[in-house]
Amino acid sequence: MAEEQTPIKHQLIPKQEVCTEEEISEILTKYNIKLEQLPSISVKDPSIATLDLEHGAVIKIHRSSKTEPNSLFYRMVVE
């Protein structure tokens, strides 16, 4: 029987969410880039494995540190 996966919750794993088509368009326009130019993340990465994403999806990663409390990073999901 397949074991159900749960999201990894740990203080060192930042919050991640899937971007909508509108958000993706805004990101690409803001940074004047193409979708393929975004940094990539593997669909098999444990931190996003439970999001059930396909190649080409974009995720928004919320990171924080002592010097920058609210940083956003974007990654395109690849196989």
PDB file of N, CA and C in Angstrom:
ATOM      1  N   MET A   1       0.837  -1.167   0.000  1.00  0.00           N
ATOM      2  CA  MET A   1       0.000   0.000   0.000  1.00  0.00           C
ATOM      3  C   MET A   1       0.891   1.242   0.000  1.00  0.00           C
ATOM      4  N   ALA A   2       0.530   2.234  -0.825  1.00  0.00           N
ATOM      5  CA  ALA A   2       1.320   3.459  -0.915  1.00  0.00           C
ATOM      6  C   ALA A   2       1.104   4.305   0.331  1.00  0.00           C
ATOM      7  N   GLU A   3       2.186   4.849   0.813  1.00  0.00           N
ATOM      8  CA  GLU A   3       2.117   5.688   2.000  1.00  0.00           C
ATOM      9  C   GLU A   3       1.833   7.122   1.578  1.00  0.00           C
ATOM     10  N   GLU A   4       0.879   7.765   2.228  1.00  0.00           N
ATOM     11  CA  GLU A   4       0.538   9.139   1.902  1.00  0.00           C
ATOM     12  C   GLU A   4       1.640  10.069   2.394  1.00  0.00           C
ATOM     13  N   GLN A   5       2.050  10.985   1.510  1.00  0.00           N
ATOM     14  CA  GLN A   5       3.103  11.921   1.883  1.00  0.00           C
ATOM     15  C   GLN A   5       2.485  13.158   2.516  1.00  0.00           C
ATOM     16  N   THR A   6       3.195  13.713   3.470  1.00  0.00           N
ATOM     17  CA  THR A   6       2.772  14.959   4.086  1.00  0.00           C
ATOM     18  C   THR A   6       3.850  16.000   3.835  1.00  0.00           C
ATOM     19  N   PRO A   7       3.468  17.272   3.779  1.00  0.00           N
ATOM     20  CA  PRO A   7       4.479  18.305   3.555  1.00  0.00           C
ATOM     21  C   PRO A   7       5.545  18.279   4.642  1.00  0.00           C
ATOM     22  N   ILE A   8       6.752  18.577   4.243  1.00  0.00           N
ATOM     23  CA  ILE A   8       7.852  18.626   5.198  1.00  0.00           C
ATOM     24  C   ILE A   8       7.747  19.936   5.966  1.00  0.00           C
ATOM     25  N   LYS A   9       7.662  19.827   7.283  1.00  0.00           N
ATOM     26  CA  LYS A   9       7.576  21.025   8.119  1.00  0.00           C
ATOM     27  C   LYS A   9       8.802  21.065   9.009  1.00  0.00           C
ATOM     28  N   HIS A  10       9.627  22.029   8.728  1.00  0.00           N
ATOM     29  CA  HIS A  10      10.854  22.194   9.491  1.00  0.00           C
ATOM     30  C   HIS A  10      11.225  23.662   9.424  1.00  0.00           C
ATOM     31  N   GLN A  11      11.843  24.165  10.458  1.00  0.00           N
ATOM     32  CA  GLN A  11      12.173  25.586  10.514  1.00  0.00           C
ATOM     33  C   GLN A  11      13.135  26.015   9.410  1.00  0.00           C
ATOM     34  N   LEU A  12      13.901  25.097   8.854  1.00  0.00           N
ATOM     35  CA  LEU A  12      14.853  25.449   7.808  1.00  0.00           C
ATOM     36  C   LEU A  12      14.282  25.325   6.397  1.00  0.00           C
ATOM     37  N   ILE A  13      13.082  24.786   6.265  1.00  0.00           N
ATOM     38  CA  ILE A  13      12.453  24.677   4.950  1.00  0.00           C
ATOM     39  C   ILE A  13      11.475  25.837   4.813  1.00  0.00           C
ATOM     40  N   PRO A  14      11.725  26.730   3.842  1.00  0.00           N
ATOM     41  CA  PRO A  14      10.877  27.914   3.700  1.00  0.00           C
ATOM     42  C   PRO A  14       9.487  27.577   3.157  1.00  0.00           C
ATOM     43  N   LYS A  15       8.561  28.490   3.375  1.00  0.00           N
ATOM     44  CA  LYS A  15       7.202  28.338   2.861  1.00  0.00           C
ATOM     45  C   LYS A  15       7.247  28.402   1.336  1.00  0.00           C
ATOM     46  N   GLN A  16       6.505  27.521   0.685  1.00  0.00           N
ATOM     47  CA  GLN A  16       6.472  27.475  -0.770  1.00  0.00           C
ATOM     48  C   GLN A  16       5.033  27.409  -1.241  1.00  0.00           C
ATOM     49  N   GLU A  17       4.741  28.124  -2.328  1.00  0.00           N
ATOM     50  CA  GLU A  17       3.398  28.084  -2.885  1.00  0.00           C
ATOM     51  C   GLU A  17       3.468  28.155  -4.404  1.00  0.00           C
ATOM     52  N   VAL A  18       2.436  27.645  -5.044  1.00  0.00           N
ATOM     53  CA  VAL A  18       2.373  27.607  -6.499  1.00  0.00           C
ATOM     54  C   VAL A  18       1.893  28.963  -7.007  1.00  0.00           C
ATOM     55  N   CYS A  19       2.553  29.477  -8.042  1.00  0.00           N
ATOM     56  CA  CYS A  19       2.167  30.756  -8.645  1.00  0.00           C
ATOM     57  C   CYS A  19       1.045  30.546  -9.658  1.00  0.00           C
ATOM     58  N   THR A  20       0.149  31.516  -9.736  1.00  0.00           N
ATOM     59  CA  THR A  20      -0.915  31.489 -10.741  1.00  0.00           C
ATOM     60  C   THR A  20      -0.346  31.975 -12.067  1.00  0.00           C
ATOM     61  N   GLU A  21      -1.097  31.778 -13.138  1.00  0.00           N
ATOM     62  CA  GLU A  21      -0.658  32.243 -14.460  1.00  0.00           C
ATOM     63  C   GLU A  21      -0.454  33.760 -14.451  1.00  0.00           C
ATOM     64  N   GLU A  22      -1.315  34.471 -13.745  1.00  0.00           N
ATOM     65  CA  GLU A  22      -1.200  35.934 -13.662  1.00  0.00           C
ATOM     66  C   GLU A  22       0.096  36.335 -12.947  1.00  0.00           C
ATOM     67  N   GLU A  23       0.398  35.660 -11.848  1.00  0.00           N
ATOM     68  CA  GLU A  23       1.638  35.947 -11.116  1.00  0.00           C
ATOM     69  C   GLU A  23       2.867  35.653 -11.975  1.00  0.00           C
ATOM     70  N   ILE A  24       2.828  34.551 -12.716  1.00  0.00           N
ATOM     71  CA  ILE A  24       3.957  34.193 -13.583  1.00  0.00           C
ATOM     72  C   ILE A  24       4.177  35.280 -14.621  1.00  0.00           C
ATOM     73  N   SER A  25       3.098  35.753 -15.227  1.00  0.00           N
ATOM     74  CA  SER A  25       3.194  36.817 -16.228  1.00  0.00           C
ATOM     75  C   SER A  25       3.802  38.082 -15.626  1.00  0.00           C
ATOM     76  N   GLU A  26       3.375  38.444 -14.416  1.00  0.00           N
ATOM     77  CA  GLU A  26       3.912  39.630 -13.740  1.00  0.00           C
ATOM     78  C   GLU A  26       5.403  39.479 -13.434  1.00  0.00           C
ATOM     79  N   ILE A  27       5.808  38.287 -12.997  1.00  0.00           N
ATOM     80  CA  ILE A  27       7.215  38.026 -12.673  1.00  0.00           C
ATOM     81  C   ILE A  27       8.084  38.168 -13.918  1.00  0.00           C
ATOM     82  N   LEU A  28       7.637  37.543 -15.007  1.00  0.00           N
ATOM     83  CA  LEU A  28       8.414  37.575 -16.245  1.00  0.00           C
ATOM     84  C   LEU A  28       8.524  38.995 -16.793  1.00  0.00           C
ATOM     85  N   THR A  29       7.455  39.764 -16.677  1.00  0.00           N
ATOM     86  CA  THR A  29       7.476  41.154 -17.131  1.00  0.00           C
ATOM     87  C   THR A  29       8.364  42.005 -16.226  1.00  0.00           C
ATOM     88  N   LYS A  30       8.227  41.836 -14.927  1.00  0.00           N
ATOM     89  CA  LYS A  30       9.000  42.624 -13.962  1.00  0.00           C
ATOM     90  C   LYS A  30      10.501  42.452 -14.164  1.00  0.00           C
ATOM     91  N   TYR A  31      10.934  41.209 -14.365  1.00  0.00           N
ATOM     92  CA  TYR A  31      12.366  40.936 -14.498  1.00  0.00           C
ATOM     93  C   TYR A  31      12.831  40.854 -15.951  1.00  0.00           C
ATOM     94  N   ASN A  32      11.891  41.049 -16.896  1.00  0.00           N
ATOM     95  CA  ASN A  32      12.199  41.027 -18.324  1.00  0.00           C
ATOM     96  C   ASN A  32      12.953  39.749 -18.707  1.00  0.00           C
ATOM     97  N   ILE A  33      12.366  38.612 -18.356  1.00  0.00           N
ATOM     98  CA  ILE A  33      12.975  37.313 -18.638  1.00  0.00           C
ATOM     99  C   ILE A  33      11.942  36.379 -19.258  1.00  0.00           C
ATOM    100  N   LYS A  34      12.441  35.249 -19.754  1.00  0.00           N
ATOM    101  CA  LYS A  34      11.566  34.190 -20.260  1.00  0.00           C
ATOM    102  C   LYS A  34      11.435  33.132 -19.175  1.00  0.00           C
ATOM    103  N   LEU A  35      10.394  32.335 -19.273  1.00  0.00           N
ATOM    104  CA  LEU A  35      10.133  31.299 -18.274  1.00  0.00           C
ATOM    105  C   LEU A  35      11.336  30.379 -18.095  1.00  0.00           C
ATOM    106  N   GLU A  36      11.991  30.034 -19.190  1.00  0.00           N
ATOM    107  CA  GLU A  36      13.134  29.121 -19.145  1.00  0.00           C
ATOM    108  C   GLU A  36      14.343  29.715 -18.419  1.00  0.00           C
ATOM    109  N   GLN A  37      14.346  31.022 -18.209  1.00  0.00           N
ATOM    110  CA  GLN A  37      15.473  31.680 -17.545  1.00  0.00           C
ATOM    111  C   GLN A  37      15.355  31.674 -16.020  1.00  0.00           C
ATOM    112  N   LEU A  38      14.217  31.252 -15.506  1.00  0.00           N
ATOM    113  CA  LEU A  38      14.077  31.143 -14.050  1.00  0.00           C
ATOM    114  C   LEU A  38      14.951  30.004 -13.541  1.00  0.00           C
ATOM    115  N   PRO A  39      15.470  30.127 -12.335  1.00  0.00           N
ATOM    116  CA  PRO A  39      16.192  28.997 -11.736  1.00  0.00           C
ATOM    117  C   PRO A  39      15.235  27.805 -11.638  1.00  0.00           C
ATOM    118  N   SER A  40      15.786  26.611 -11.653  1.00  0.00           N
ATOM    119  CA  SER A  40      14.931  25.423 -11.664  1.00  0.00           C
ATOM    120  C   SER A  40      14.964  24.675 -10.337  1.00  0.00           C
ATOM    121  N   ILE A  41      13.945  23.839 -10.164  1.00  0.00           N
ATOM    122  CA  ILE A  41      13.862  22.939  -9.021  1.00  0.00           C
ATOM    123  C   ILE A  41      13.272  21.631  -9.545  1.00  0.00           C
ATOM    124  N   SER A  42      13.813  20.530  -9.112  1.00  0.00           N
ATOM    125  CA  SER A  42      13.354  19.228  -9.587  1.00  0.00           C
ATOM    126  C   SER A  42      11.978  18.889  -9.024  1.00  0.00           C
ATOM    127  N   VAL A  43      11.163  18.279  -9.861  1.00  0.00           N
ATOM    128  CA  VAL A  43       9.845  17.830  -9.428  1.00  0.00           C
ATOM    129  C   VAL A  43       9.980  16.784  -8.321  1.00  0.00           C
ATOM    130  N   LYS A  44      11.144  16.157  -8.220  1.00  0.00           N
ATOM    131  CA  LYS A  44      11.399  15.139  -7.201  1.00  0.00           C
ATOM    132  C   LYS A  44      11.957  15.720  -5.901  1.00  0.00           C
ATOM    133  N   ASP A  45      12.162  17.029  -5.843  1.00  0.00           N
ATOM    134  CA  ASP A  45      12.680  17.663  -4.634  1.00  0.00           C
ATOM    135  C   ASP A  45      11.721  17.377  -3.476  1.00  0.00           C
ATOM    136  N   PRO A  46      12.222  16.856  -2.372  1.00  0.00           N
ATOM    137  CA  PRO A  46      11.341  16.496  -1.249  1.00  0.00           C
ATOM    138  C   PRO A  46      10.490  17.652  -0.721  1.00  0.00           C
ATOM    139  N   SER A  47      10.996  18.872  -0.812  1.00  0.00           N
ATOM    140  CA  SER A  47      10.241  19.997  -0.256  1.00  0.00           C
ATOM    141  C   SER A  47       9.000  20.341  -1.073  1.00  0.00           C
ATOM    142  N   ILE A  48       8.937  19.917  -2.343  1.00  0.00           N
ATOM    143  CA  ILE A  48       7.754  20.198  -3.165  1.00  0.00           C
ATOM    144  C   ILE A  48       7.054  18.931  -3.641  1.00  0.00           C
ATOM    145  N   ALA A  49       7.527  17.784  -3.211  1.00  0.00           N
ATOM    146  CA  ALA A  49       6.972  16.509  -3.683  1.00  0.00           C
ATOM    147  C   ALA A  49       5.476  16.385  -3.423  1.00  0.00           C
ATOM    148  N   THR A  50       4.985  16.953  -2.357  1.00  0.00           N
ATOM    149  CA  THR A  50       3.566  16.819  -2.018  1.00  0.00           C
ATOM    150  C   THR A  50       2.678  17.825  -2.749  1.00  0.00           C
ATOM    151  N   LEU A  51       3.268  18.771  -3.472  1.00  0.00           N
ATOM    152  CA  LEU A  51       2.478  19.773  -4.183  1.00  0.00           C
ATOM    153  C   LEU A  51       1.916  19.244  -5.497  1.00  0.00           C
ATOM    154  N   ASP A  52       2.364  18.063  -5.946  1.00  0.00           N
ATOM    155  CA  ASP A  52       1.878  17.428  -7.166  1.00  0.00           C
ATOM    156  C   ASP A  52       1.984  18.378  -8.361  1.00  0.00           C
ATOM    157  N   LEU A  53       3.200  18.830  -8.644  1.00  0.00           N
ATOM    158  CA  LEU A  53       3.451  19.779  -9.719  1.00  0.00           C
ATOM    159  C   LEU A  53       3.957  19.083 -10.969  1.00  0.00           C
ATOM    160  N   GLU A  54       3.778  19.748 -12.100  1.00  0.00           N
ATOM    161  CA  GLU A  54       4.265  19.238 -13.367  1.00  0.00           C
ATOM    162  C   GLU A  54       5.334  20.171 -13.910  1.00  0.00           C
ATOM    163  N   HIS A  55       6.075  19.671 -14.890  1.00  0.00           N
ATOM    164  CA  HIS A  55       7.121  20.457 -15.548  1.00  0.00           C
ATOM    165  C   HIS A  55       6.530  21.779 -16.042  1.00  0.00           C
ATOM    166  N   GLY A  56       7.221  22.878 -15.766  1.00  0.00           N
ATOM    167  CA  GLY A  56       6.783  24.194 -16.215  1.00  0.00           C
ATOM    168  C   GLY A  56       6.054  25.008 -15.167  1.00  0.00           C
ATOM    169  N   ALA A  57       5.642  24.389 -14.080  1.00  0.00           N
ATOM    170  CA  ALA A  57       4.980  25.138 -13.006  1.00  0.00           C
ATOM    171  C   ALA A  57       6.013  26.035 -12.329  1.00  0.00           C
ATOM    172  N   VAL A  58       5.552  27.107 -11.726  1.00  0.00           N
ATOM    173  CA  VAL A  58       6.450  28.034 -11.027  1.00  0.00           C
ATOM    174  C   VAL A  58       6.028  28.096  -9.568  1.00  0.00           C
ATOM    175  N   ILE A  59       7.015  28.002  -8.686  1.00  0.00           N
ATOM    176  CA  ILE A  59       6.725  28.123  -7.260  1.00  0.00           C
ATOM    177  C   ILE A  59       7.389  29.378  -6.703  1.00  0.00           C
ATOM    178  N   LYS A  60       6.738  29.931  -5.701  1.00  0.00           N
ATOM    179  CA  LYS A  60       7.251  31.107  -4.996  1.00  0.00           C
ATOM    180  C   LYS A  60       7.747  30.627  -3.642  1.00  0.00           C
ATOM    181  N   ILE A  61       8.986  30.967  -3.325  1.00  0.00           N
ATOM    182  CA  ILE A  61       9.591  30.539  -2.070  1.00  0.00           C
ATOM    183  C   ILE A  61       9.789  31.767  -1.191  1.00  0.00           C
ATOM    184  N   HIS A  62       9.228  31.723   0.013  1.00  0.00           N
ATOM    185  CA  HIS A  62       9.355  32.817   0.978  1.00  0.00           C
ATOM    186  C   HIS A  62      10.498  32.475   1.927  1.00  0.00           C
ATOM    187  N   ARG A  63      11.572  33.223   1.846  1.00  0.00           N
ATOM    188  CA  ARG A  63      12.711  32.987   2.742  1.00  0.00           C
ATOM    189  C   ARG A  63      12.885  34.186   3.655  1.00  0.00           C
ATOM    190  N   SER A  64      13.474  33.929   4.796  1.00  0.00           N
ATOM    191  CA  SER A  64      13.789  35.030   5.703  1.00  0.00           C
ATOM    192  C   SER A  64      15.152  34.791   6.325  1.00  0.00           C
ATOM    193  N   SER A  65      15.796  35.894   6.661  1.00  0.00           N
ATOM    194  CA  SER A  65      17.095  35.823   7.319  1.00  0.00           C
ATOM    195  C   SER A  65      17.214  37.031   8.241  1.00  0.00           C
ATOM    196  N   LYS A  66      18.312  37.122   8.918  1.00  0.00           N
ATOM    197  CA  LYS A  66      18.517  38.257   9.819  1.00  0.00           C
ATOM    198  C   LYS A  66      18.633  39.567   9.052  1.00  0.00           C
ATOM    199  N   THR A  67      19.207  39.512   7.859  1.00  0.00           N
ATOM    200  CA  THR A  67      19.407  40.735   7.085  1.00  0.00           C
ATOM    201  C   THR A  67      18.234  41.078   6.179  1.00  0.00           C
ATOM    202  N   GLU A  68      17.464  40.089   5.780  1.00  0.00           N
ATOM    203  CA  GLU A  68      16.318  40.316   4.902  1.00  0.00           C
ATOM    204  C   GLU A  68      15.148  39.453   5.373  1.00  0.00           C
ATOM    205  N   PRO A  69      14.235  40.045   6.139  1.00  0.00           N
ATOM    206  CA  PRO A  69      13.161  39.251   6.730  1.00  0.00           C
ATOM    207  C   PRO A  69      12.157  38.671   5.725  1.00  0.00           C
ATOM    208  N   ASN A  70      11.974  39.307   4.594  1.00  0.00           N
ATOM    209  CA  ASN A  70      10.993  38.823   3.613  1.00  0.00           C
ATOM    210  C   ASN A  70      11.589  38.811   2.214  1.00  0.00           C
ATOM    211  N   SER A  71      12.154  37.703   1.816  1.00  0.00           N
ATOM    212  CA  SER A  71      12.725  37.555   0.483  1.00  0.00           C
ATOM    213  C   SER A  71      11.883  36.576  -0.319  1.00  0.00           C
ATOM    214  N   LEU A  72      11.646  36.912  -1.589  1.00  0.00           N
ATOM    215  CA  LEU A  72      10.916  36.017  -2.475  1.00  0.00           C
ATOM    216  C   LEU A  72      11.862  35.473  -3.532  1.00  0.00           C
ATOM    217  N   PHE A  73      11.760  34.180  -3.772  1.00  0.00           N
ATOM    218  CA  PHE A  73      12.535  33.521  -4.810  1.00  0.00           C
ATOM    219  C   PHE A  73      11.562  32.719  -5.651  1.00  0.00           C
ATOM    220  N   TYR A  74      11.857  32.606  -6.934  1.00  0.00           N
ATOM    221  CA  TYR A  74      10.990  31.867  -7.837  1.00  0.00           C
ATOM    222  C   TYR A  74      11.776  30.741  -8.489  1.00  0.00           C
ATOM    223  N   ARG A  75      11.121  29.604  -8.664  1.00  0.00           N
ATOM    224  CA  ARG A  75      11.748  28.446  -9.296  1.00  0.00           C
ATOM    225  C   ARG A  75      10.755  27.809 -10.265  1.00  0.00           C
ATOM    226  N   MET A  76      11.273  27.388 -11.430  1.00  0.00           N
ATOM    227  CA  MET A  76      10.463  26.650 -12.383  1.00  0.00           C
ATOM    228  C   MET A  76      10.681  25.165 -12.145  1.00  0.00           C
ATOM    229  N   VAL A  77       9.616  24.406 -12.092  1.00  0.00           N
ATOM    230  CA  VAL A  77       9.694  22.968 -11.845  1.00  0.00           C
ATOM    231  C   VAL A  77      10.125  22.254 -13.124  1.00  0.00           C
ATOM    232  N   VAL A  78      11.146  21.409 -12.995  1.00  0.00           N
ATOM    233  CA  VAL A  78      11.639  20.605 -14.116  1.00  0.00           C
ATOM    234  C   VAL A  78      11.615  19.134 -13.715  1.00  0.00           C
ATOM    235  N   GLU A  79      11.645  18.270 -14.726  1.00  0.00           N
ATOM    236  CA  GLU A  79      11.624  16.828 -14.452  1.00  0.00           C
ATOM    237  C   GLU A  79      12.964  16.312 -14.020  1.00  0.00           C
TER     238      GLU A  79
END
